[in-house]
Amino acid sequence: MTIKMAMELYFCEICRFAYKDRETAEKCEDWCRKHKSCSLEITKSAVGEIKNEK
């Protein structure tokens, strides 16, 4: 048996990490924009990321 669960994810538009909630994605995006880097404290709650297709 296969069970598929739909989950809404929110993404940081800068680093493309995915989060379960909008608030964390916004915090990540704000951090990335301000510091030009990722915050380990924020990204530890990421549930995935979007890979660039080439």
PDB file of N, CA and C in Angstrom:
ATOM      1  N   MET A   1       0.840  -1.166   0.000  1.00  0.00           N
ATOM      2  CA  MET A   1       0.000   0.000   0.000  1.00  0.00           C
ATOM      3  C   MET A   1       0.889   1.234   0.000  1.00  0.00           C
ATOM      4  N   THR A   2       0.490   2.229  -0.774  1.00  0.00           N
ATOM      5  CA  THR A   2       1.212   3.489  -0.843  1.00  0.00           C
ATOM      6  C   THR A   2       0.331   4.596  -0.294  1.00  0.00           C
ATOM      7  N   ILE A   3       0.873   5.362   0.610  1.00  0.00           N
ATOM      8  CA  ILE A   3       0.147   6.491   1.175  1.00  0.00           C
ATOM      9  C   ILE A   3       0.885   7.758   0.779  1.00  0.00           C
ATOM     10  N   LYS A   4       0.160   8.648   0.132  1.00  0.00           N
ATOM     11  CA  LYS A   4       0.746   9.922  -0.256  1.00  0.00           C
ATOM     12  C   LYS A   4       0.079  11.025   0.539  1.00  0.00           C
ATOM     13  N   MET A   5       0.893  11.893   1.105  1.00  0.00           N
ATOM     14  CA  MET A   5       0.360  12.995   1.899  1.00  0.00           C
ATOM     15  C   MET A   5       0.762  14.300   1.223  1.00  0.00           C
ATOM     16  N   ALA A   6      -0.202  15.161   1.036  1.00  0.00           N
ATOM     17  CA  ALA A   6       0.090  16.476   0.460  1.00  0.00           C
ATOM     18  C   ALA A   6       0.498  17.415   1.587  1.00  0.00           C
ATOM     19  N   MET A   7       1.582  18.144   1.355  1.00  0.00           N
ATOM     20  CA  MET A   7       2.066  19.076   2.359  1.00  0.00           C
ATOM     21  C   MET A   7       2.398  20.378   1.644  1.00  0.00           C
ATOM     22  N   GLU A   8       1.902  21.470   2.178  1.00  0.00           N
ATOM     23  CA  GLU A   8       2.215  22.764   1.614  1.00  0.00           C
ATOM     24  C   GLU A   8       3.565  23.204   2.170  1.00  0.00           C
ATOM     25  N   LEU A   9       4.485  23.557   1.279  1.00  0.00           N
ATOM     26  CA  LEU A   9       5.803  23.998   1.691  1.00  0.00           C
ATOM     27  C   LEU A   9       6.030  25.434   1.261  1.00  0.00           C
ATOM     28  N   TYR A  10       6.872  26.123   2.002  1.00  0.00           N
ATOM     29  CA  TYR A  10       7.223  27.503   1.721  1.00  0.00           C
ATOM     30  C   TYR A  10       8.717  27.560   1.468  1.00  0.00           C
ATOM     31  N   PHE A  11       9.127  28.367   0.495  1.00  0.00           N
ATOM     32  CA  PHE A  11      10.526  28.397   0.072  1.00  0.00           C
ATOM     33  C   PHE A  11      11.141  29.774   0.244  1.00  0.00           C
ATOM     34  N   CYS A  12      12.404  29.785   0.621  1.00  0.00           N
ATOM     35  CA  CYS A  12      13.212  30.999   0.605  1.00  0.00           C
ATOM     36  C   CYS A  12      13.568  31.250  -0.861  1.00  0.00           C
ATOM     37  N   GLU A  13      13.261  32.412  -1.372  1.00  0.00           N
ATOM     38  CA  GLU A  13      13.539  32.715  -2.771  1.00  0.00           C
ATOM     39  C   GLU A  13      15.027  32.924  -3.043  1.00  0.00           C
ATOM     40  N   ILE A  14      15.828  33.092  -1.998  1.00  0.00           N
ATOM     41  CA  ILE A  14      17.258  33.324  -2.175  1.00  0.00           C
ATOM     42  C   ILE A  14      18.018  31.988  -2.236  1.00  0.00           C
ATOM     43  N   CYS A  15      17.945  31.201  -1.173  1.00  0.00           N
ATOM     44  CA  CYS A  15      18.726  29.956  -1.109  1.00  0.00           C
ATOM     45  C   CYS A  15      17.930  28.723  -1.526  1.00  0.00           C
ATOM     46  N   ARG A  16      16.609  28.867  -1.658  1.00  0.00           N
ATOM     47  CA  ARG A  16      15.716  27.800  -2.143  1.00  0.00           C
ATOM     48  C   ARG A  16      15.487  26.667  -1.146  1.00  0.00           C
ATOM     49  N   PHE A  17      15.769  26.887   0.152  1.00  0.00           N
ATOM     50  CA  PHE A  17      15.422  25.891   1.164  1.00  0.00           C
ATOM     51  C   PHE A  17      13.916  25.902   1.395  1.00  0.00           C
ATOM     52  N   ALA A  18      13.357  24.745   1.692  1.00  0.00           N
ATOM     53  CA  ALA A  18      11.920  24.593   1.910  1.00  0.00           C
ATOM     54  C   ALA A  18      11.617  24.443   3.396  1.00  0.00           C
ATOM     55  N   TYR A  19      10.495  25.041   3.803  1.00  0.00           N
ATOM     56  CA  TYR A  19      10.061  25.003   5.202  1.00  0.00           C
ATOM     57  C   TYR A  19       8.579  24.663   5.279  1.00  0.00           C
ATOM     58  N   LYS A  20       8.180  24.112   6.412  1.00  0.00           N
ATOM     59  CA  LYS A  20       6.782  23.756   6.616  1.00  0.00           C
ATOM     60  C   LYS A  20       5.902  24.971   6.888  1.00  0.00           C
ATOM     61  N   ASP A  21       6.509  26.062   7.364  1.00  0.00           N
ATOM     62  CA  ASP A  21       5.687  27.242   7.677  1.00  0.00           C
ATOM     63  C   ASP A  21       6.252  28.495   7.015  1.00  0.00           C
ATOM     64  N   ARG A  22       5.358  29.412   6.700  1.00  0.00           N
ATOM     65  CA  ARG A  22       5.704  30.647   6.012  1.00  0.00           C
ATOM     66  C   ARG A  22       6.635  31.526   6.848  1.00  0.00           C
ATOM     67  N   GLU A  23       6.413  31.571   8.155  1.00  0.00           N
ATOM     68  CA  GLU A  23       7.210  32.427   9.039  1.00  0.00           C
ATOM     69  C   GLU A  23       8.700  32.079   8.961  1.00  0.00           C
ATOM     70  N   THR A  24       9.020  30.802   9.007  1.00  0.00           N
ATOM     71  CA  THR A  24      10.418  30.389   8.953  1.00  0.00           C
ATOM     72  C   THR A  24      11.017  30.680   7.582  1.00  0.00           C
ATOM     73  N   ALA A  25      10.266  30.458   6.526  1.00  0.00           N
ATOM     74  CA  ALA A  25      10.747  30.772   5.174  1.00  0.00           C
ATOM     75  C   ALA A  25      11.031  32.262   5.038  1.00  0.00           C
ATOM     76  N   GLU A  26      10.179  33.094   5.611  1.00  0.00           N
ATOM     77  CA  GLU A  26      10.391  34.542   5.564  1.00  0.00           C
ATOM     78  C   GLU A  26      11.615  34.947   6.378  1.00  0.00           C
ATOM     79  N   LYS A  27      11.813  34.316   7.538  1.00  0.00           N
ATOM     80  CA  LYS A  27      13.007  34.594   8.349  1.00  0.00           C
ATOM     81  C   LYS A  27      14.262  34.225   7.569  1.00  0.00           C
ATOM     82  N   CYS A  28      14.228  33.091   6.903  1.00  0.00           N
ATOM     83  CA  CYS A  28      15.365  32.635   6.107  1.00  0.00           C
ATOM     84  C   CYS A  28      15.653  33.642   4.987  1.00  0.00           C
ATOM     85  N   GLU A  29      14.617  34.032   4.284  1.00  0.00           N
ATOM     86  CA  GLU A  29      14.788  34.973   3.185  1.00  0.00           C
ATOM     87  C   GLU A  29      15.341  36.318   3.674  1.00  0.00           C
ATOM     88  N   ASP A  30      14.832  36.809   4.785  1.00  0.00           N
ATOM     89  CA  ASP A  30      15.333  38.064   5.357  1.00  0.00           C
ATOM     90  C   ASP A  30      16.809  37.937   5.717  1.00  0.00           C
ATOM     91  N   TRP A  31      17.172  36.818   6.359  1.00  0.00           N
ATOM     92  CA  TRP A  31      18.561  36.593   6.750  1.00  0.00           C
ATOM     93  C   TRP A  31      19.456  36.533   5.509  1.00  0.00           C
ATOM     94  N   CYS A  32      19.052  35.736   4.520  1.00  0.00           N
ATOM     95  CA  CYS A  32      19.851  35.576   3.303  1.00  0.00           C
ATOM     96  C   CYS A  32      20.064  36.921   2.606  1.00  0.00           C
ATOM     97  N   ARG A  33      19.011  37.703   2.522  1.00  0.00           N
ATOM     98  CA  ARG A  33      19.083  39.000   1.854  1.00  0.00           C
ATOM     99  C   ARG A  33      20.024  39.956   2.608  1.00  0.00           C
ATOM    100  N   LYS A  34      19.932  39.963   3.936  1.00  0.00           N
ATOM    101  CA  LYS A  34      20.722  40.890   4.744  1.00  0.00           C
ATOM    102  C   LYS A  34      22.190  40.477   4.846  1.00  0.00           C
ATOM    103  N   HIS A  35      22.445  39.182   5.049  1.00  0.00           N
ATOM    104  CA  HIS A  35      23.800  38.703   5.338  1.00  0.00           C
ATOM    105  C   HIS A  35      24.503  38.049   4.154  1.00  0.00           C
ATOM    106  N   LYS A  36      23.785  37.840   3.057  1.00  0.00           N
ATOM    107  CA  LYS A  36      24.354  37.168   1.875  1.00  0.00           C
ATOM    108  C   LYS A  36      24.912  35.791   2.228  1.00  0.00           C
ATOM    109  N   SER A  37      24.235  35.128   3.173  1.00  0.00           N
ATOM    110  CA  SER A  37      24.609  33.782   3.596  1.00  0.00           C
ATOM    111  C   SER A  37      23.402  33.124   4.247  1.00  0.00           C
ATOM    112  N   CYS A  38      23.543  31.860   4.606  1.00  0.00           N
ATOM    113  CA  CYS A  38      22.462  31.147   5.299  1.00  0.00           C
ATOM    114  C   CYS A  38      22.750  31.095   6.796  1.00  0.00           C
ATOM    115  N   SER A  39      21.697  31.091   7.583  1.00  0.00           N
ATOM    116  CA  SER A  39      21.799  30.946   9.024  1.00  0.00           C
ATOM    117  C   SER A  39      21.636  29.469   9.376  1.00  0.00           C
ATOM    118  N   LEU A  40      22.626  28.900  10.040  1.00  0.00           N
ATOM    119  CA  LEU A  40      22.512  27.497  10.448  1.00  0.00           C
ATOM    120  C   LEU A  40      21.347  27.288  11.405  1.00  0.00           C
ATOM    121  N   GLU A  41      21.087  28.272  12.232  1.00  0.00           N
ATOM    122  CA  GLU A  41      19.985  28.180  13.198  1.00  0.00           C
ATOM    123  C   GLU A  41      18.636  28.074  12.473  1.00  0.00           C
ATOM    124  N   ILE A  42      18.484  28.815  11.384  1.00  0.00           N
ATOM    125  CA  ILE A  42      17.227  28.786  10.627  1.00  0.00           C
ATOM    126  C   ILE A  42      17.165  27.544   9.738  1.00  0.00           C
ATOM    127  N   THR A  43      18.234  27.277   8.996  1.00  0.00           N
ATOM    128  CA  THR A  43      18.193  26.183   8.021  1.00  0.00           C
ATOM    129  C   THR A  43      18.134  24.789   8.646  1.00  0.00           C
ATOM    130  N   LYS A  44      18.413  24.694   9.937  1.00  0.00           N
ATOM    131  CA  LYS A  44      18.304  23.363  10.556  1.00  0.00           C
ATOM    132  C   LYS A  44      16.857  22.868  10.574  1.00  0.00           C
ATOM    133  N   SER A  45      15.894  23.770  10.370  1.00  0.00           N
ATOM    134  CA  SER A  45      14.489  23.357  10.328  1.00  0.00           C
ATOM    135  C   SER A  45      13.981  23.187   8.899  1.00  0.00           C
ATOM    136  N   ALA A  46      14.883  23.285   7.909  1.00  0.00           N
ATOM    137  CA  ALA A  46      14.489  23.081   6.510  1.00  0.00           C
ATOM    138  C   ALA A  46      14.093  21.620   6.289  1.00  0.00           C
ATOM    139  N   VAL A  47      13.154  21.426   5.384  1.00  0.00           N
ATOM    140  CA  VAL A  47      12.696  20.067   5.076  1.00  0.00           C
ATOM    141  C   VAL A  47      13.108  19.642   3.666  1.00  0.00           C
ATOM    142  N   GLY A  48      13.865  20.485   2.988  1.00  0.00           N
ATOM    143  CA  GLY A  48      14.335  20.172   1.648  1.00  0.00           C
ATOM    144  C   GLY A  48      14.790  21.426   0.951  1.00  0.00           C
ATOM    145  N   GLU A  49      15.067  21.297  -0.347  1.00  0.00           N
ATOM    146  CA  GLU A  49      15.460  22.461  -1.132  1.00  0.00           C
ATOM    147  C   GLU A  49      15.129  22.195  -2.600  1.00  0.00           C
ATOM    148  N   ILE A  50      14.990  23.273  -3.345  1.00  0.00           N
ATOM    149  CA  ILE A  50      14.757  23.180  -4.777  1.00  0.00           C
ATOM    150  C   ILE A  50      16.118  23.221  -5.459  1.00  0.00           C
ATOM    151  N   LYS A  51      16.385  22.242  -6.270  1.00  0.00           N
ATOM    152  CA  LYS A  51      17.643  22.212  -7.022  1.00  0.00           C
ATOM    153  C   LYS A  51      17.445  22.975  -8.323  1.00  0.00           C
ATOM    154  N   ASN A  52      18.483  23.684  -8.757  1.00  0.00           N
ATOM    155  CA  ASN A  52      18.427  24.380 -10.037  1.00  0.00           C
ATOM    156  C   ASN A  52      18.525  23.356 -11.155  1.00  0.00           C
ATOM    157  N   GLU A  53      17.606  23.449 -12.120  1.00  0.00           N
ATOM    158  CA  GLU A  53      17.644  22.557 -13.261  1.00  0.00           C
ATOM    159  C   GLU A  53      18.520  23.175 -14.336  1.00  0.00           C
ATOM    160  N   LYS A  54      19.431  22.386 -14.889  1.00  0.00           N
ATOM    161  CA  LYS A  54      20.317  22.880 -15.953  1.00  0.00           C
ATOM    162  C   LYS A  54      20.228  21.999 -17.155  1.00  0.00           C
TER     163      LYS A  54
END
